[in-house]
């Protein structure tokens, strides 16, 4: 974990209630310890709890995050202006194990605000020369973002929407069945992860969960595993698919 003061380089609207923010600061310690899929914890003036946000990408001294307005914290974050400063805890949680995916036909899967961390995962895989199929799920065409960014990485991109206004009408599991992928790395809401789990394919999944402290002290965010409850912020947010039970 690394605490630092980061400058807001940009904070722009990219889809309904969805913003992309680029932060500038000392990322050396973060880059040396991080795996794609980790998260930040951002302190916002007037709010007691920090807000956890997944890291989308780290490039040089810049960190990109993408967040959706869901409450007071993210609303306040959306109002931040270029040049303002943020107190940020970096390098939190356990990210994806890229090495474990080697030798497989890999699907990188994101649903809604679970898409951003998967961009960093796809980039890391592509930098190693791995072919990647990116499956991106959204509610509607208007809610979609970063599709071209994944294509620019050289990924084969499949898009699903709940209402069929873009790509395949249905869910990410429907698109997965059309591929030859035999291993997945995924982030999204629990119903999506549960559906992926039922496919029986091996993989890794990152849980989206409302957190309290963000570093394992309060037990406010947990998930069911074969060995009992585990903390999403500290033991996760990424877990191997075979260790998760969803309470079943």
C-alpha atoms as a PDB file:
ATOM      1  CA  UNK A   1       0.000   0.000   0.000  1.00  0.00           C
ATOM      2  CA  UNK A   2       1.273   3.440  -0.930  1.00  0.00           C
ATOM      3  CA  UNK A   3      -0.251   6.782   0.069  1.00  0.00           C
ATOM      4  CA  UNK A   4       0.286   9.836  -2.073  1.00  0.00           C
ATOM      5  CA  UNK A   5      -1.101  13.135  -3.264  1.00  0.00           C
ATOM      6  CA  UNK A   6      -2.154  12.978  -6.900  1.00  0.00           C
ATOM      7  CA  UNK A   7      -3.085  15.785  -9.274  1.00  0.00           C
ATOM      8  CA  UNK A   8      -6.204  15.554 -11.431  1.00  0.00           C
ATOM      9  CA  UNK A   9      -5.030  15.854 -15.049  1.00  0.00           C
ATOM     10  CA  UNK A  10      -8.473  15.305 -16.538  1.00  0.00           C
ATOM     11  CA  UNK A  11     -11.951  14.242 -15.466  1.00  0.00           C
ATOM     12  CA  UNK A  12     -14.319  13.725 -18.379  1.00  0.00           C
ATOM     13  CA  UNK A  13     -17.760  12.263 -19.086  1.00  0.00           C
ATOM     14  CA  UNK A  14     -17.575   9.149 -21.304  1.00  0.00           C
ATOM     15  CA  UNK A  15     -21.055   7.614 -20.903  1.00  0.00           C
ATOM     16  CA  UNK A  16     -24.206   8.332 -18.862  1.00  0.00           C
ATOM     17  CA  UNK A  17     -23.108   8.919 -15.233  1.00  0.00           C
ATOM     18  CA  UNK A  18     -19.668   7.488 -16.144  1.00  0.00           C
ATOM     19  CA  UNK A  19     -16.398   9.423 -15.975  1.00  0.00           C
ATOM     20  CA  UNK A  20     -12.762   8.832 -16.839  1.00  0.00           C
ATOM     21  CA  UNK A  21     -10.234  10.501 -14.524  1.00  0.00           C
ATOM     22  CA  UNK A  22      -6.488  10.658 -15.072  1.00  0.00           C
ATOM     23  CA  UNK A  23      -4.317  11.253 -12.000  1.00  0.00           C
ATOM     24  CA  UNK A  24      -0.660  12.289 -11.963  1.00  0.00           C
ATOM     25  CA  UNK A  25       1.785  11.410  -9.196  1.00  0.00           C
ATOM     26  CA  UNK A  26       4.580   9.134  -8.056  1.00  0.00           C
ATOM     27  CA  UNK A  27       3.613   5.685  -9.320  1.00  0.00           C
ATOM     28  CA  UNK A  28       7.026   4.033  -8.891  1.00  0.00           C
ATOM     29  CA  UNK A  29       6.152   2.029  -5.791  1.00  0.00           C
ATOM     30  CA  UNK A  30       2.728   1.194  -7.237  1.00  0.00           C
ATOM     31  CA  UNK A  31       4.195  -0.086 -10.497  1.00  0.00           C
ATOM     32  CA  UNK A  32       6.767  -2.213  -8.695  1.00  0.00           C
ATOM     33  CA  UNK A  33       4.189  -4.152  -6.671  1.00  0.00           C
ATOM     34  CA  UNK A  34       0.997  -4.039  -8.654  1.00  0.00           C
ATOM     35  CA  UNK A  35      -0.956  -6.521 -10.686  1.00  0.00           C
ATOM     36  CA  UNK A  36      -3.738  -5.336 -12.958  1.00  0.00           C
ATOM     37  CA  UNK A  37      -6.998  -5.529 -11.048  1.00  0.00           C
ATOM     38  CA  UNK A  38      -5.920  -3.689  -7.903  1.00  0.00           C
ATOM     39  CA  UNK A  39      -7.759  -0.605  -6.671  1.00  0.00           C
ATOM     40  CA  UNK A  40      -7.294   2.859  -5.185  1.00  0.00           C
ATOM     41  CA  UNK A  41      -8.937   4.311  -2.088  1.00  0.00           C
ATOM     42  CA  UNK A  42      -9.622   8.013  -2.498  1.00  0.00           C
ATOM     43  CA  UNK A  43     -10.182  10.497   0.328  1.00  0.00           C
ATOM     44  CA  UNK A  44     -12.803  13.131  -0.433  1.00  0.00           C
ATOM     45  CA  UNK A  45     -13.302  16.264   1.632  1.00  0.00           C
ATOM     46  CA  UNK A  46     -16.322  16.110   3.942  1.00  0.00           C
ATOM     47  CA  UNK A  47     -16.759  12.337   3.680  1.00  0.00           C
ATOM     48  CA  UNK A  48     -15.576   9.974   6.418  1.00  0.00           C
ATOM     49  CA  UNK A  49     -14.909   6.858   4.361  1.00  0.00           C
ATOM     50  CA  UNK A  50     -12.551   6.725   1.407  1.00  0.00           C
ATOM     51  CA  UNK A  51     -14.013   5.616  -1.935  1.00  0.00           C
ATOM     52  CA  UNK A  52     -12.539   2.486  -3.576  1.00  0.00           C
ATOM     53  CA  UNK A  53     -12.128   2.706  -7.352  1.00  0.00           C
ATOM     54  CA  UNK A  54     -10.579   0.065  -9.624  1.00  0.00           C
ATOM     55  CA  UNK A  55      -7.443   1.000 -11.540  1.00  0.00           C
ATOM     56  CA  UNK A  56      -8.067   1.032 -15.274  1.00  0.00           C
ATOM     57  CA  UNK A  57      -4.497   1.672 -16.410  1.00  0.00           C
ATOM     58  CA  UNK A  58      -1.090   2.806 -15.174  1.00  0.00           C
ATOM     59  CA  UNK A  59       1.190   4.506 -17.691  1.00  0.00           C
ATOM     60  CA  UNK A  60       4.315   6.320 -16.552  1.00  0.00           C
ATOM     61  CA  UNK A  61       3.283   8.635 -13.729  1.00  0.00           C
ATOM     62  CA  UNK A  62      -0.375   8.581 -14.736  1.00  0.00           C
ATOM     63  CA  UNK A  63      -3.170   6.443 -13.303  1.00  0.00           C
ATOM     64  CA  UNK A  64      -6.475   6.189 -15.133  1.00  0.00           C
ATOM     65  CA  UNK A  65      -9.671   5.312 -13.297  1.00  0.00           C
ATOM     66  CA  UNK A  66     -13.228   5.039 -14.593  1.00  0.00           C
ATOM     67  CA  UNK A  67     -16.139   5.356 -12.195  1.00  0.00           C
ATOM     68  CA  UNK A  68     -19.903   5.635 -12.238  1.00  0.00           C
ATOM     69  CA  UNK A  69     -21.908   8.056 -10.120  1.00  0.00           C
ATOM     70  CA  UNK A  70     -23.718   5.890  -7.572  1.00  0.00           C
ATOM     71  CA  UNK A  71     -23.712   8.091  -4.441  1.00  0.00           C
ATOM     72  CA  UNK A  72     -22.330  11.152  -2.699  1.00  0.00           C
ATOM     73  CA  UNK A  73     -18.694  10.127  -3.047  1.00  0.00           C
ATOM     74  CA  UNK A  74     -18.661   9.468  -6.773  1.00  0.00           C
ATOM     75  CA  UNK A  75     -20.846  12.540  -7.377  1.00  0.00           C
ATOM     76  CA  UNK A  76     -18.247  14.626  -5.546  1.00  0.00           C
ATOM     77  CA  UNK A  77     -15.487  12.937  -7.548  1.00  0.00           C
ATOM     78  CA  UNK A  78     -17.241  13.861 -10.808  1.00  0.00           C
ATOM     79  CA  UNK A  79     -17.017  17.536  -9.831  1.00  0.00           C
ATOM     80  CA  UNK A  80     -13.226  17.510  -9.435  1.00  0.00           C
ATOM     81  CA  UNK A  81     -11.437  19.893 -11.768  1.00  0.00           C
ATOM     82  CA  UNK A  82      -8.113  19.747 -13.568  1.00  0.00           C
ATOM     83  CA  UNK A  83      -5.294  20.784 -11.212  1.00  0.00           C
ATOM     84  CA  UNK A  84      -7.056  19.787  -7.997  1.00  0.00           C
ATOM     85  CA  UNK A  85      -5.304  17.340  -5.662  1.00  0.00           C
ATOM     86  CA  UNK A  86      -6.479  14.055  -4.162  1.00  0.00           C
ATOM     87  CA  UNK A  87      -5.175  11.994  -1.231  1.00  0.00           C
ATOM     88  CA  UNK A  88      -4.978   8.441  -2.595  1.00  0.00           C
ATOM     89  CA  UNK A  89      -4.070   5.037  -1.167  1.00  0.00           C
ATOM     90  CA  UNK A  90      -2.644   2.941  -4.019  1.00  0.00           C
ATOM     91  CA  UNK A  91      -1.790  -0.693  -4.663  1.00  0.00           C
ATOM     92  CA  UNK A  92      -4.671  -2.117  -2.628  1.00  0.00           C
ATOM     93  CA  UNK A  93      -5.978  -5.654  -2.957  1.00  0.00           C
ATOM     94  CA  UNK A  94      -4.727  -8.636  -4.914  1.00  0.00           C
ATOM     95  CA  UNK A  95      -4.946  -8.337  -8.675  1.00  0.00           C
ATOM     96  CA  UNK A  96      -5.098 -10.883 -11.485  1.00  0.00           C
ATOM     97  CA  UNK A  97      -2.432 -13.563 -11.859  1.00  0.00           C
ATOM     98  CA  UNK A  98      -1.470 -13.063 -15.494  1.00  0.00           C
ATOM     99  CA  UNK A  99       1.015 -15.928 -15.436  1.00  0.00           C
ATOM    100  CA  UNK A 100      -1.723 -18.432 -14.548  1.00  0.00           C
ATOM    101  CA  UNK A 101      -3.508 -17.579 -17.795  1.00  0.00           C
ATOM    102  CA  UNK A 102      -0.579 -18.530 -20.015  1.00  0.00           C
ATOM    103  CA  UNK A 103      -1.146 -21.392 -22.414  1.00  0.00           C
ATOM    104  CA  UNK A 104      -4.897 -20.790 -22.624  1.00  0.00           C
ATOM    105  CA  UNK A 105      -7.282 -19.196 -25.080  1.00  0.00           C
ATOM    106  CA  UNK A 106      -8.054 -16.199 -22.897  1.00  0.00           C
ATOM    107  CA  UNK A 107     -11.276 -14.246 -22.559  1.00  0.00           C
ATOM    108  CA  UNK A 108     -11.073 -10.930 -20.732  1.00  0.00           C
ATOM    109  CA  UNK A 109     -14.625 -10.187 -19.583  1.00  0.00           C
ATOM    110  CA  UNK A 110     -16.066  -6.997 -18.129  1.00  0.00           C
ATOM    111  CA  UNK A 111     -19.614  -6.024 -17.257  1.00  0.00           C
ATOM    112  CA  UNK A 112     -20.535  -2.341 -16.902  1.00  0.00           C
ATOM    113  CA  UNK A 113     -18.188  -0.644 -14.430  1.00  0.00           C
ATOM    114  CA  UNK A 114     -16.328  -3.965 -14.332  1.00  0.00           C
ATOM    115  CA  UNK A 115     -14.923  -3.107 -17.778  1.00  0.00           C
ATOM    116  CA  UNK A 116     -12.248  -0.575 -16.651  1.00  0.00           C
ATOM    117  CA  UNK A 117      -9.930  -2.915 -14.687  1.00  0.00           C
ATOM    118  CA  UNK A 118     -10.113  -5.408 -17.556  1.00  0.00           C
ATOM    119  CA  UNK A 119      -8.477  -2.873 -19.856  1.00  0.00           C
ATOM    120  CA  UNK A 120      -5.320  -2.997 -17.729  1.00  0.00           C
ATOM    121  CA  UNK A 121      -5.505  -6.799 -17.730  1.00  0.00           C
ATOM    122  CA  UNK A 122      -5.880  -6.934 -21.520  1.00  0.00           C
ATOM    123  CA  UNK A 123      -2.983  -4.531 -21.968  1.00  0.00           C
ATOM    124  CA  UNK A 124      -0.704  -6.637 -19.738  1.00  0.00           C
ATOM    125  CA  UNK A 125      -1.608  -9.796 -21.659  1.00  0.00           C
ATOM    126  CA  UNK A 126      -1.118  -8.160 -25.047  1.00  0.00           C
ATOM    127  CA  UNK A 127       2.287  -6.820 -23.967  1.00  0.00           C
ATOM    128  CA  UNK A 128       3.280 -10.441 -23.356  1.00  0.00           C
ATOM    129  CA  UNK A 129       2.119 -11.344 -26.854  1.00  0.00           C
ATOM    130  CA  UNK A 130      -0.988 -13.209 -25.708  1.00  0.00           C
ATOM    131  CA  UNK A 131      -4.014 -13.236 -28.032  1.00  0.00           C
ATOM    132  CA  UNK A 132      -7.034 -11.890 -26.155  1.00  0.00           C
ATOM    133  CA  UNK A 133     -10.778 -11.981 -26.747  1.00  0.00           C
ATOM    134  CA  UNK A 134     -12.417  -9.105 -24.879  1.00  0.00           C
ATOM    135  CA  UNK A 135     -16.096  -9.587 -24.038  1.00  0.00           C
ATOM    136  CA  UNK A 136     -17.704  -6.351 -22.870  1.00  0.00           C
ATOM    137  CA  UNK A 137     -21.234  -6.285 -21.503  1.00  0.00           C
ATOM    138  CA  UNK A 138     -23.419  -3.189 -21.120  1.00  0.00           C
ATOM    139  CA  UNK A 139     -27.085  -2.481 -20.476  1.00  0.00           C
ATOM    140  CA  UNK A 140     -27.531  -0.364 -23.613  1.00  0.00           C
ATOM    141  CA  UNK A 141     -25.556   1.142 -26.503  1.00  0.00           C
ATOM    142  CA  UNK A 142     -25.558   4.513 -24.711  1.00  0.00           C
ATOM    143  CA  UNK A 143     -23.844   2.975 -21.667  1.00  0.00           C
ATOM    144  CA  UNK A 144     -20.976   1.469 -23.696  1.00  0.00           C
ATOM    145  CA  UNK A 145     -17.431   2.810 -23.503  1.00  0.00           C
ATOM    146  CA  UNK A 146     -13.794   1.848 -24.225  1.00  0.00           C
ATOM    147  CA  UNK A 147     -14.692  -0.565 -27.044  1.00  0.00           C
ATOM    148  CA  UNK A 148     -12.231   1.087 -29.442  1.00  0.00           C
ATOM    149  CA  UNK A 149      -9.575   1.177 -26.696  1.00  0.00           C
ATOM    150  CA  UNK A 150      -9.638  -2.624 -26.459  1.00  0.00           C
ATOM    151  CA  UNK A 151      -9.460  -2.890 -30.246  1.00  0.00           C
ATOM    152  CA  UNK A 152      -6.425  -0.608 -30.270  1.00  0.00           C
ATOM    153  CA  UNK A 153      -4.676  -3.130 -27.992  1.00  0.00           C
ATOM    154  CA  UNK A 154      -5.208  -5.766 -30.683  1.00  0.00           C
ATOM    155  CA  UNK A 155      -7.984  -7.630 -28.879  1.00  0.00           C
ATOM    156  CA  UNK A 156     -10.820  -9.365 -30.649  1.00  0.00           C
ATOM    157  CA  UNK A 157     -13.818  -7.543 -29.169  1.00  0.00           C
ATOM    158  CA  UNK A 158     -17.314  -8.951 -28.626  1.00  0.00           C
ATOM    159  CA  UNK A 159     -19.986  -6.645 -27.212  1.00  0.00           C
ATOM    160  CA  UNK A 160     -23.274  -7.601 -25.574  1.00  0.00           C
ATOM    161  CA  UNK A 161     -26.145  -5.386 -24.476  1.00  0.00           C
ATOM    162  CA  UNK A 162     -29.179  -6.302 -22.414  1.00  0.00           C
ATOM    163  CA  UNK A 163     -31.543  -4.668 -24.932  1.00  0.00           C
ATOM    164  CA  UNK A 164     -29.719  -5.593 -28.138  1.00  0.00           C
ATOM    165  CA  UNK A 165     -29.006  -1.995 -29.183  1.00  0.00           C
ATOM    166  CA  UNK A 166     -25.307  -2.848 -29.705  1.00  0.00           C
ATOM    167  CA  UNK A 167     -23.637  -6.147 -30.489  1.00  0.00           C
ATOM    168  CA  UNK A 168     -25.231  -9.388 -29.318  1.00  0.00           C
ATOM    169  CA  UNK A 169     -28.475  -9.137 -27.364  1.00  0.00           C
ATOM    170  CA  UNK A 170     -27.903 -11.013 -24.143  1.00  0.00           C
ATOM    171  CA  UNK A 171     -25.163 -11.475 -21.584  1.00  0.00           C
ATOM    172  CA  UNK A 172     -21.412 -11.989 -21.586  1.00  0.00           C
ATOM    173  CA  UNK A 173     -21.891 -15.734 -21.086  1.00  0.00           C
ATOM    174  CA  UNK A 174     -23.846 -15.845 -24.363  1.00  0.00           C
ATOM    175  CA  UNK A 175     -20.893 -14.278 -26.177  1.00  0.00           C
ATOM    176  CA  UNK A 176     -18.425 -16.552 -24.375  1.00  0.00           C
ATOM    177  CA  UNK A 177     -20.211 -19.609 -25.769  1.00  0.00           C
ATOM    178  CA  UNK A 178     -19.480 -18.400 -29.311  1.00  0.00           C
ATOM    179  CA  UNK A 179     -15.709 -18.499 -28.715  1.00  0.00           C
ATOM    180  CA  UNK A 180     -13.075 -21.187 -28.257  1.00  0.00           C
ATOM    181  CA  UNK A 181     -11.841 -19.541 -25.057  1.00  0.00           C
ATOM    182  CA  UNK A 182     -11.025 -21.993 -22.274  1.00  0.00           C
ATOM    183  CA  UNK A 183      -9.975 -19.552 -19.519  1.00  0.00           C
ATOM    184  CA  UNK A 184     -11.397 -16.231 -18.381  1.00  0.00           C
ATOM    185  CA  UNK A 185     -10.422 -13.194 -16.365  1.00  0.00           C
ATOM    186  CA  UNK A 186     -13.504 -11.227 -15.370  1.00  0.00           C
ATOM    187  CA  UNK A 187     -14.892  -8.321 -13.363  1.00  0.00           C
ATOM    188  CA  UNK A 188     -18.508  -7.338 -12.965  1.00  0.00           C
ATOM    189  CA  UNK A 189     -21.619  -7.571 -10.796  1.00  0.00           C
ATOM    190  CA  UNK A 190     -22.190 -10.759  -8.817  1.00  0.00           C
ATOM    191  CA  UNK A 191     -24.980 -12.132 -11.054  1.00  0.00           C
ATOM    192  CA  UNK A 192     -22.552 -11.954 -14.005  1.00  0.00           C
ATOM    193  CA  UNK A 193     -19.769 -13.646 -12.058  1.00  0.00           C
ATOM    194  CA  UNK A 194     -22.155 -16.325 -10.806  1.00  0.00           C
ATOM    195  CA  UNK A 195     -23.211 -17.073 -14.396  1.00  0.00           C
ATOM    196  CA  UNK A 196     -19.581 -17.360 -15.464  1.00  0.00           C
ATOM    197  CA  UNK A 197     -18.926 -19.659 -12.513  1.00  0.00           C
ATOM    198  CA  UNK A 198     -21.709 -21.976 -13.700  1.00  0.00           C
ATOM    199  CA  UNK A 199     -19.981 -22.455 -17.073  1.00  0.00           C
ATOM    200  CA  UNK A 200     -17.406 -24.614 -15.261  1.00  0.00           C
ATOM    201  CA  UNK A 201     -14.518 -22.967 -17.095  1.00  0.00           C
ATOM    202  CA  UNK A 202     -11.409 -22.175 -15.044  1.00  0.00           C
ATOM    203  CA  UNK A 203     -10.678 -18.527 -14.484  1.00  0.00           C
ATOM    204  CA  UNK A 204     -10.302 -15.602 -12.125  1.00  0.00           C
ATOM    205  CA  UNK A 205     -12.995 -13.164 -11.055  1.00  0.00           C
ATOM    206  CA  UNK A 206     -12.850  -9.739  -9.471  1.00  0.00           C
ATOM    207  CA  UNK A 207     -15.738  -8.800  -7.178  1.00  0.00           C
ATOM    208  CA  UNK A 208     -17.350  -5.386  -7.112  1.00  0.00           C
ATOM    209  CA  UNK A 209     -18.372  -4.708  -3.543  1.00  0.00           C
ATOM    210  CA  UNK A 210     -19.132  -1.708  -1.369  1.00  0.00           C
ATOM    211  CA  UNK A 211     -16.252  -1.441   1.123  1.00  0.00           C
ATOM    212  CA  UNK A 212     -15.695   0.159   4.502  1.00  0.00           C
ATOM    213  CA  UNK A 213     -12.019   0.515   5.384  1.00  0.00           C
ATOM    214  CA  UNK A 214     -10.660  -0.941   2.137  1.00  0.00           C
ATOM    215  CA  UNK A 215      -7.732  -2.820   3.688  1.00  0.00           C
ATOM    216  CA  UNK A 216      -9.229  -5.699   5.670  1.00  0.00           C
ATOM    217  CA  UNK A 217      -9.799  -4.285   9.158  1.00  0.00           C
ATOM    218  CA  UNK A 218     -13.589  -4.029   9.277  1.00  0.00           C
ATOM    219  CA  UNK A 219     -14.814  -7.254   7.566  1.00  0.00           C
ATOM    220  CA  UNK A 220     -17.423  -5.121   5.799  1.00  0.00           C
ATOM    221  CA  UNK A 221     -16.947  -6.804   2.405  1.00  0.00           C
ATOM    222  CA  UNK A 222     -16.836 -10.576   2.161  1.00  0.00           C
ATOM    223  CA  UNK A 223     -17.564 -13.429  -0.232  1.00  0.00           C
ATOM    224  CA  UNK A 224     -18.210 -17.154   0.181  1.00  0.00           C
ATOM    225  CA  UNK A 225     -15.316 -19.509  -0.566  1.00  0.00           C
ATOM    226  CA  UNK A 226     -14.508 -23.188  -0.027  1.00  0.00           C
ATOM    227  CA  UNK A 227     -12.660 -22.290   3.182  1.00  0.00           C
ATOM    228  CA  UNK A 228     -15.240 -19.850   4.540  1.00  0.00           C
ATOM    229  CA  UNK A 229     -15.768 -16.126   4.187  1.00  0.00           C
ATOM    230  CA  UNK A 230     -12.930 -14.053   2.735  1.00  0.00           C
ATOM    231  CA  UNK A 231     -12.452 -10.287   2.650  1.00  0.00           C
ATOM    232  CA  UNK A 232     -12.844  -8.868  -0.843  1.00  0.00           C
ATOM    233  CA  UNK A 233     -10.666  -5.825  -0.156  1.00  0.00           C
ATOM    234  CA  UNK A 234      -7.765  -7.712   1.445  1.00  0.00           C
ATOM    235  CA  UNK A 235      -7.923 -11.325   0.195  1.00  0.00           C
ATOM    236  CA  UNK A 236      -9.368 -10.203  -3.164  1.00  0.00           C
ATOM    237  CA  UNK A 237     -10.853  -8.497  -5.020  1.00  0.00           C
ATOM    238  CA  UNK A 238      -9.628 -11.237  -7.398  1.00  0.00           C
ATOM    239  CA  UNK A 239     -10.294 -14.894  -6.595  1.00  0.00           C
ATOM    240  CA  UNK A 240      -9.810 -18.106  -8.548  1.00  0.00           C
ATOM    241  CA  UNK A 241     -13.141 -19.347  -9.847  1.00  0.00           C
ATOM    242  CA  UNK A 242     -12.665 -22.756  -8.263  1.00  0.00           C
ATOM    243  CA  UNK A 243     -12.379 -21.325  -4.750  1.00  0.00           C
ATOM    244  CA  UNK A 244     -15.607 -19.279  -4.856  1.00  0.00           C
ATOM    245  CA  UNK A 245     -18.954 -20.854  -3.913  1.00  0.00           C
ATOM    246  CA  UNK A 246     -21.453 -17.954  -3.930  1.00  0.00           C
ATOM    247  CA  UNK A 247     -22.893 -19.415  -0.734  1.00  0.00           C
ATOM    248  CA  UNK A 248     -24.130 -22.522  -2.505  1.00  0.00           C
END
